[in-house]
Amino acid sequence: MSSTTAPPTTHTAIDGKGILITEPAMRQLATVMHQQGSDKLLRVGVRSGGCSGMSYTMDFIDTAEIRTDDEIYSYSPSAGQEFRVVCDPKSLLYIYGMQLDFSSALIGGGFNFTNPNATQTCGCGSSFAV
């Protein structure tokens, strides 16, 4: 007998674009964003490096650090304050449609990325190739 777990509910930005964020990730981001303060945004992107050639980045930034060519997406969790995610156009080419999930597992827990654009991913889940 096998039990199947339903996939987590995903959320898109208010405008319907951006990355997909699962309900567990929304709850975790809302909590962390509340701790960071109201003037912080989450920057998501990619950089060269990692096991597979490119790695994901996530960091909190001040509103003053938003660049003119950045894409800004607003998310509104069911319980919590609205928060914004910022991504530069070059990174967005690699992560558009990506799903951000969160696991509280003791081993392998934390934020996890599922990227439909990746042709290869690393076992650690934080690097990829296209």
N, C-alpha and C. Protein backbone atom coordinates (compact mmCIF):
# COMPACT_ATOMS: atom_id res chain seq x y z
N MET A 1 0.85 -1.17 0.00
CA MET A 1 0.00 0.00 0.00
C MET A 1 0.90 1.23 0.00
N SER A 2 0.66 2.12 -0.90
CA SER A 2 1.46 3.34 -0.95
C SER A 2 0.55 4.54 -0.73
N SER A 3 1.11 5.52 -0.06
CA SER A 3 0.33 6.74 0.14
C SER A 3 0.94 7.83 -0.72
N THR A 4 0.09 8.60 -1.32
CA THR A 4 0.58 9.69 -2.14
C THR A 4 0.28 11.00 -1.44
N THR A 5 1.20 11.89 -1.54
CA THR A 5 1.03 13.20 -0.95
C THR A 5 0.70 14.17 -2.06
N ALA A 6 -0.31 14.96 -1.85
CA ALA A 6 -0.68 15.95 -2.85
C ALA A 6 0.42 16.98 -2.97
N PRO A 7 0.68 17.46 -4.17
CA PRO A 7 1.70 18.49 -4.32
C PRO A 7 1.26 19.76 -3.58
N PRO A 8 2.23 20.51 -3.05
CA PRO A 8 1.86 21.72 -2.31
C PRO A 8 1.23 22.76 -3.23
N THR A 9 0.34 23.54 -2.66
CA THR A 9 -0.27 24.65 -3.38
C THR A 9 0.83 25.64 -3.74
N THR A 10 0.79 26.16 -4.97
CA THR A 10 1.78 27.16 -5.37
C THR A 10 1.10 28.50 -5.58
N HIS A 11 1.89 29.55 -5.41
CA HIS A 11 1.42 30.91 -5.57
C HIS A 11 2.30 31.62 -6.60
N THR A 12 1.67 32.45 -7.40
CA THR A 12 2.42 33.32 -8.30
C THR A 12 2.34 34.73 -7.73
N ALA A 13 3.11 35.60 -8.30
CA ALA A 13 3.05 37.00 -7.89
C ALA A 13 1.65 37.54 -8.18
N ILE A 14 1.32 38.65 -7.59
CA ILE A 14 0.00 39.25 -7.76
C ILE A 14 -0.32 39.47 -9.23
N ASP A 15 0.70 39.80 -10.04
CA ASP A 15 0.46 40.02 -11.47
C ASP A 15 0.45 38.72 -12.28
N GLY A 16 0.61 37.57 -11.61
CA GLY A 16 0.59 36.28 -12.29
C GLY A 16 1.90 35.88 -12.90
N LYS A 17 2.95 36.64 -12.69
CA LYS A 17 4.25 36.35 -13.27
C LYS A 17 5.24 36.01 -12.16
N GLY A 18 6.50 35.88 -12.52
CA GLY A 18 7.53 35.62 -11.53
C GLY A 18 7.70 34.15 -11.26
N ILE A 19 8.34 33.84 -10.13
CA ILE A 19 8.57 32.45 -9.77
C ILE A 19 7.38 31.94 -8.97
N LEU A 20 7.20 30.63 -8.99
CA LEU A 20 6.15 29.99 -8.21
C LEU A 20 6.68 29.75 -6.80
N ILE A 21 5.86 30.00 -5.82
CA ILE A 21 6.26 29.79 -4.44
C ILE A 21 5.22 28.90 -3.78
N THR A 22 5.67 27.77 -3.20
CA THR A 22 4.73 26.85 -2.56
C THR A 22 4.24 27.45 -1.24
N GLU A 23 3.16 26.89 -0.74
CA GLU A 23 2.59 27.37 0.52
C GLU A 23 3.59 27.28 1.68
N PRO A 24 4.34 26.15 1.85
CA PRO A 24 5.34 26.12 2.93
C PRO A 24 6.40 27.21 2.77
N ALA A 25 6.83 27.46 1.53
CA ALA A 25 7.82 28.52 1.30
C ALA A 25 7.22 29.89 1.57
N MET A 26 5.96 30.09 1.22
CA MET A 26 5.28 31.37 1.49
C MET A 26 5.25 31.64 2.99
N ARG A 27 4.90 30.62 3.77
CA ARG A 27 4.85 30.79 5.23
C ARG A 27 6.22 31.14 5.78
N GLN A 28 7.25 30.42 5.33
CA GLN A 28 8.61 30.68 5.82
C GLN A 28 9.09 32.06 5.39
N LEU A 29 8.86 32.43 4.14
CA LEU A 29 9.27 33.75 3.66
C LEU A 29 8.54 34.87 4.40
N ALA A 30 7.25 34.69 4.65
CA ALA A 30 6.49 35.70 5.38
C ALA A 30 7.06 35.89 6.78
N THR A 31 7.43 34.80 7.43
CA THR A 31 8.03 34.87 8.77
C THR A 31 9.37 35.58 8.73
N VAL A 32 10.22 35.18 7.81
CA VAL A 32 11.56 35.78 7.71
C VAL A 32 11.47 37.24 7.28
N MET A 33 10.58 37.55 6.35
CA MET A 33 10.43 38.93 5.91
C MET A 33 9.95 39.82 7.05
N HIS A 34 9.07 39.29 7.88
CA HIS A 34 8.60 40.06 9.04
C HIS A 34 9.77 40.37 9.98
N GLN A 35 10.67 39.41 10.17
CA GLN A 35 11.84 39.61 11.02
C GLN A 35 12.83 40.59 10.41
N GLN A 36 12.89 40.65 9.08
CA GLN A 36 13.84 41.53 8.40
C GLN A 36 13.41 43.00 8.42
N GLY A 37 12.13 43.25 8.50
CA GLY A 37 11.63 44.62 8.50
C GLY A 37 10.87 44.94 7.24
N SER A 38 10.08 45.99 7.30
CA SER A 38 9.18 46.31 6.20
C SER A 38 9.88 46.89 4.97
N ASP A 39 11.10 47.36 5.11
CA ASP A 39 11.78 47.98 3.97
C ASP A 39 12.69 47.00 3.23
N LYS A 40 12.61 45.71 3.53
CA LYS A 40 13.47 44.72 2.89
C LYS A 40 12.72 43.98 1.79
N LEU A 41 13.48 43.56 0.79
CA LEU A 41 12.96 42.76 -0.31
C LEU A 41 13.84 41.53 -0.43
N LEU A 42 13.30 40.50 -1.04
CA LEU A 42 14.07 39.29 -1.28
C LEU A 42 14.59 39.32 -2.71
N ARG A 43 15.92 39.31 -2.86
CA ARG A 43 16.51 39.24 -4.20
C ARG A 43 16.82 37.78 -4.49
N VAL A 44 16.30 37.29 -5.62
CA VAL A 44 16.54 35.93 -6.08
C VAL A 44 17.26 36.04 -7.41
N GLY A 45 18.29 35.22 -7.59
CA GLY A 45 19.03 35.27 -8.83
C GLY A 45 19.91 34.06 -9.02
N VAL A 46 20.79 34.15 -9.99
CA VAL A 46 21.76 33.09 -10.26
C VAL A 46 23.13 33.73 -10.43
N ARG A 47 24.15 32.91 -10.21
CA ARG A 47 25.52 33.35 -10.45
C ARG A 47 26.31 32.16 -10.95
N SER A 48 27.44 32.41 -11.55
CA SER A 48 28.31 31.33 -12.02
C SER A 48 28.91 30.63 -10.81
N GLY A 49 29.01 29.32 -10.91
CA GLY A 49 29.61 28.55 -9.84
C GLY A 49 28.71 27.39 -9.43
N GLY A 50 29.12 26.69 -8.41
CA GLY A 50 28.36 25.53 -7.95
C GLY A 50 28.78 24.28 -8.70
N CYS A 51 28.26 23.17 -8.28
CA CYS A 51 28.62 21.86 -8.83
C CYS A 51 28.27 21.72 -10.30
N SER A 52 27.18 22.34 -10.73
CA SER A 52 26.69 22.15 -12.10
C SER A 52 26.93 23.34 -13.02
N GLY A 53 27.57 24.38 -12.53
CA GLY A 53 27.89 25.52 -13.38
C GLY A 53 27.23 26.82 -12.98
N MET A 54 26.01 26.77 -12.45
CA MET A 54 25.31 27.96 -11.99
C MET A 54 24.68 27.64 -10.65
N SER A 55 24.60 28.64 -9.77
CA SER A 55 23.96 28.41 -8.48
C SER A 55 22.95 29.51 -8.20
N TYR A 56 21.96 29.14 -7.40
CA TYR A 56 20.90 30.07 -7.03
C TYR A 56 21.40 30.99 -5.92
N THR A 57 20.89 32.21 -5.91
CA THR A 57 21.19 33.14 -4.82
C THR A 57 19.89 33.69 -4.26
N MET A 58 19.88 33.90 -2.96
CA MET A 58 18.75 34.53 -2.28
C MET A 58 19.36 35.41 -1.19
N ASP A 59 18.92 36.66 -1.15
CA ASP A 59 19.45 37.58 -0.15
C ASP A 59 18.43 38.68 0.08
N PHE A 60 18.47 39.27 1.25
CA PHE A 60 17.59 40.39 1.55
C PHE A 60 18.31 41.68 1.21
N ILE A 61 17.59 42.58 0.58
CA ILE A 61 18.16 43.87 0.19
C ILE A 61 17.26 45.00 0.66
N ASP A 62 17.85 46.18 0.75
CA ASP A 62 17.08 47.39 1.05
C ASP A 62 16.46 47.90 -0.25
N THR A 63 15.40 48.66 -0.13
CA THR A 63 14.74 49.21 -1.31
C THR A 63 15.69 50.08 -2.14
N ALA A 64 16.67 50.69 -1.50
CA ALA A 64 17.63 51.53 -2.21
C ALA A 64 18.51 50.72 -3.16
N GLU A 65 18.57 49.41 -2.98
CA GLU A 65 19.42 48.55 -3.81
C GLU A 65 18.71 48.04 -5.06
N ILE A 66 17.46 48.42 -5.28
CA ILE A 66 16.74 48.01 -6.47
C ILE A 66 17.33 48.74 -7.67
N ARG A 67 17.65 47.99 -8.72
CA ARG A 67 18.20 48.57 -9.94
C ARG A 67 17.07 48.91 -10.90
N THR A 68 17.32 49.83 -11.80
CA THR A 68 16.28 50.29 -12.73
C THR A 68 15.78 49.17 -13.63
N ASP A 69 16.62 48.18 -13.95
CA ASP A 69 16.18 47.10 -14.85
C ASP A 69 15.67 45.87 -14.11
N ASP A 70 15.61 45.90 -12.78
CA ASP A 70 15.10 44.78 -12.00
C ASP A 70 13.61 44.56 -12.23
N GLU A 71 13.20 43.31 -12.17
CA GLU A 71 11.79 42.95 -12.16
C GLU A 71 11.38 42.79 -10.70
N ILE A 72 10.24 43.34 -10.32
CA ILE A 72 9.76 43.26 -8.94
C ILE A 72 8.40 42.58 -8.95
N TYR A 73 8.28 41.54 -8.12
CA TYR A 73 7.04 40.79 -8.02
C TYR A 73 6.53 40.86 -6.59
N SER A 74 5.25 41.11 -6.43
CA SER A 74 4.63 41.18 -5.11
C SER A 74 3.86 39.91 -4.84
N TYR A 75 4.03 39.39 -3.63
CA TYR A 75 3.34 38.17 -3.20
C TYR A 75 2.54 38.50 -1.96
N SER A 76 1.37 37.92 -1.87
CA SER A 76 0.49 38.18 -0.75
C SER A 76 0.10 36.85 -0.10
N PRO A 77 0.83 36.42 0.93
CA PRO A 77 0.48 35.16 1.60
C PRO A 77 -0.86 35.27 2.31
N SER A 78 -1.53 34.14 2.45
CA SER A 78 -2.85 34.15 3.08
C SER A 78 -2.78 34.64 4.51
N ALA A 79 -1.72 34.33 5.21
CA ALA A 79 -1.55 34.81 6.59
C ALA A 79 -0.19 35.50 6.67
N GLY A 80 -0.18 36.80 6.67
CA GLY A 80 1.08 37.52 6.75
C GLY A 80 1.10 38.74 5.87
N GLN A 81 2.15 39.49 6.01
CA GLN A 81 2.26 40.73 5.24
C GLN A 81 2.72 40.44 3.82
N GLU A 82 2.32 41.30 2.91
CA GLU A 82 2.76 41.20 1.52
C GLU A 82 4.27 41.41 1.48
N PHE A 83 4.94 40.70 0.60
CA PHE A 83 6.37 40.92 0.42
C PHE A 83 6.70 40.94 -1.06
N ARG A 84 7.88 41.48 -1.36
CA ARG A 84 8.29 41.62 -2.76
C ARG A 84 9.56 40.83 -3.02
N VAL A 85 9.62 40.27 -4.23
CA VAL A 85 10.78 39.52 -4.70
C VAL A 85 11.34 40.28 -5.90
N VAL A 86 12.65 40.47 -5.91
CA VAL A 86 13.34 41.21 -6.95
C VAL A 86 14.25 40.24 -7.70
N CYS A 87 14.31 40.41 -9.02
CA CYS A 87 15.19 39.58 -9.83
C CYS A 87 15.73 40.41 -10.99
N ASP A 88 17.02 40.27 -11.26
CA ASP A 88 17.60 40.98 -12.40
C ASP A 88 17.22 40.25 -13.68
N PRO A 89 17.16 40.97 -14.81
CA PRO A 89 16.70 40.36 -16.07
C PRO A 89 17.54 39.18 -16.54
N LYS A 90 18.85 39.21 -16.33
CA LYS A 90 19.70 38.11 -16.77
C LYS A 90 19.38 36.84 -15.99
N SER A 91 19.22 36.95 -14.67
CA SER A 91 18.87 35.78 -13.87
C SER A 91 17.50 35.26 -14.23
N LEU A 92 16.58 36.17 -14.51
CA LEU A 92 15.21 35.78 -14.82
C LEU A 92 15.14 34.87 -16.05
N LEU A 93 16.08 35.04 -16.98
CA LEU A 93 16.13 34.17 -18.16
C LEU A 93 16.33 32.71 -17.75
N TYR A 94 17.05 32.48 -16.65
CA TYR A 94 17.36 31.13 -16.21
C TYR A 94 16.36 30.57 -15.21
N ILE A 95 15.64 31.44 -14.49
CA ILE A 95 14.78 30.92 -13.42
C ILE A 95 13.30 31.22 -13.61
N TYR A 96 12.91 31.78 -14.75
CA TYR A 96 11.49 32.06 -14.96
C TYR A 96 10.71 30.75 -14.91
N GLY A 97 9.67 30.71 -14.13
CA GLY A 97 8.87 29.50 -13.98
C GLY A 97 9.38 28.57 -12.90
N MET A 98 10.47 28.93 -12.24
CA MET A 98 11.03 28.11 -11.18
C MET A 98 10.06 28.04 -10.00
N GLN A 99 10.08 26.93 -9.30
CA GLN A 99 9.27 26.79 -8.09
C GLN A 99 10.19 26.80 -6.88
N LEU A 100 9.85 27.63 -5.91
CA LEU A 100 10.58 27.71 -4.65
C LEU A 100 9.75 27.01 -3.59
N ASP A 101 10.34 26.04 -2.93
CA ASP A 101 9.65 25.27 -1.90
C ASP A 101 10.47 25.36 -0.62
N PHE A 102 9.87 24.95 0.49
CA PHE A 102 10.56 24.94 1.77
C PHE A 102 10.24 23.65 2.50
N SER A 103 11.26 23.04 3.08
CA SER A 103 11.08 21.83 3.87
C SER A 103 11.70 22.05 5.24
N SER A 104 11.02 21.58 6.27
CA SER A 104 11.56 21.69 7.63
C SER A 104 12.24 20.40 8.07
N ALA A 105 12.53 19.51 7.12
CA ALA A 105 13.20 18.25 7.43
C ALA A 105 14.58 18.51 8.04
N LEU A 106 14.96 17.64 8.96
CA LEU A 106 16.27 17.80 9.61
C LEU A 106 17.41 17.59 8.63
N ILE A 107 17.25 16.66 7.71
CA ILE A 107 18.27 16.41 6.70
C ILE A 107 17.69 16.83 5.35
N GLY A 108 18.37 17.71 4.67
CA GLY A 108 17.90 18.17 3.37
C GLY A 108 16.83 19.24 3.45
N GLY A 109 16.62 19.81 4.63
CA GLY A 109 15.61 20.85 4.79
C GLY A 109 16.09 22.19 4.29
N GLY A 110 15.20 23.15 4.30
CA GLY A 110 15.50 24.50 3.85
C GLY A 110 14.78 24.79 2.56
N PHE A 111 15.19 25.84 1.88
CA PHE A 111 14.58 26.21 0.61
C PHE A 111 15.10 25.30 -0.49
N ASN A 112 14.19 24.87 -1.36
CA ASN A 112 14.52 23.98 -2.47
C ASN A 112 14.01 24.61 -3.77
N PHE A 113 14.78 24.45 -4.83
CA PHE A 113 14.45 25.03 -6.12
C PHE A 113 14.12 23.93 -7.12
N THR A 114 13.02 24.08 -7.84
CA THR A 114 12.68 23.20 -8.95
C THR A 114 12.60 24.08 -10.18
N ASN A 115 13.57 23.90 -11.06
CA ASN A 115 13.72 24.79 -12.20
C ASN A 115 13.43 24.04 -13.51
N PRO A 116 12.35 24.40 -14.20
CA PRO A 116 12.04 23.72 -15.46
C PRO A 116 13.04 24.03 -16.58
N ASN A 117 13.85 25.05 -16.40
CA ASN A 117 14.84 25.44 -17.42
C ASN A 117 16.14 24.68 -17.27
N ALA A 118 16.35 23.99 -16.15
CA ALA A 118 17.60 23.30 -15.88
C ALA A 118 17.68 21.99 -16.66
N THR A 119 18.81 21.76 -17.30
CA THR A 119 19.03 20.50 -18.00
C THR A 119 19.75 19.51 -17.10
N GLN A 120 20.37 20.02 -16.05
CA GLN A 120 21.10 19.19 -15.10
C GLN A 120 21.06 19.88 -13.75
N THR A 121 20.85 19.13 -12.68
CA THR A 121 20.89 19.70 -11.35
C THR A 121 21.84 18.89 -10.47
N CYS A 122 22.32 19.54 -9.44
CA CYS A 122 23.24 18.91 -8.51
C CYS A 122 22.44 18.23 -7.41
N GLY A 123 23.02 17.27 -6.75
CA GLY A 123 22.37 16.58 -5.66
C GLY A 123 22.03 17.50 -4.50
N CYS A 124 22.79 18.58 -4.33
CA CYS A 124 22.55 19.51 -3.24
C CYS A 124 21.31 20.37 -3.51
N GLY A 125 20.90 20.47 -4.78
CA GLY A 125 19.70 21.23 -5.14
C GLY A 125 19.92 22.72 -5.26
N SER A 126 21.15 23.18 -5.08
CA SER A 126 21.37 24.63 -5.16
C SER A 126 22.17 25.04 -6.39
N SER A 127 22.48 24.10 -7.26
CA SER A 127 23.16 24.47 -8.50
C SER A 127 22.54 23.71 -9.67
N PHE A 128 22.75 24.26 -10.89
CA PHE A 128 22.12 23.70 -12.06
C PHE A 128 22.89 24.09 -13.31
N ALA A 129 22.53 23.46 -14.41
CA ALA A 129 23.08 23.81 -15.73
C ALA A 129 21.92 23.95 -16.69
N VAL A 130 22.11 24.78 -17.71
CA VAL A 130 21.08 24.97 -18.75
C VAL A 130 21.65 24.63 -20.10
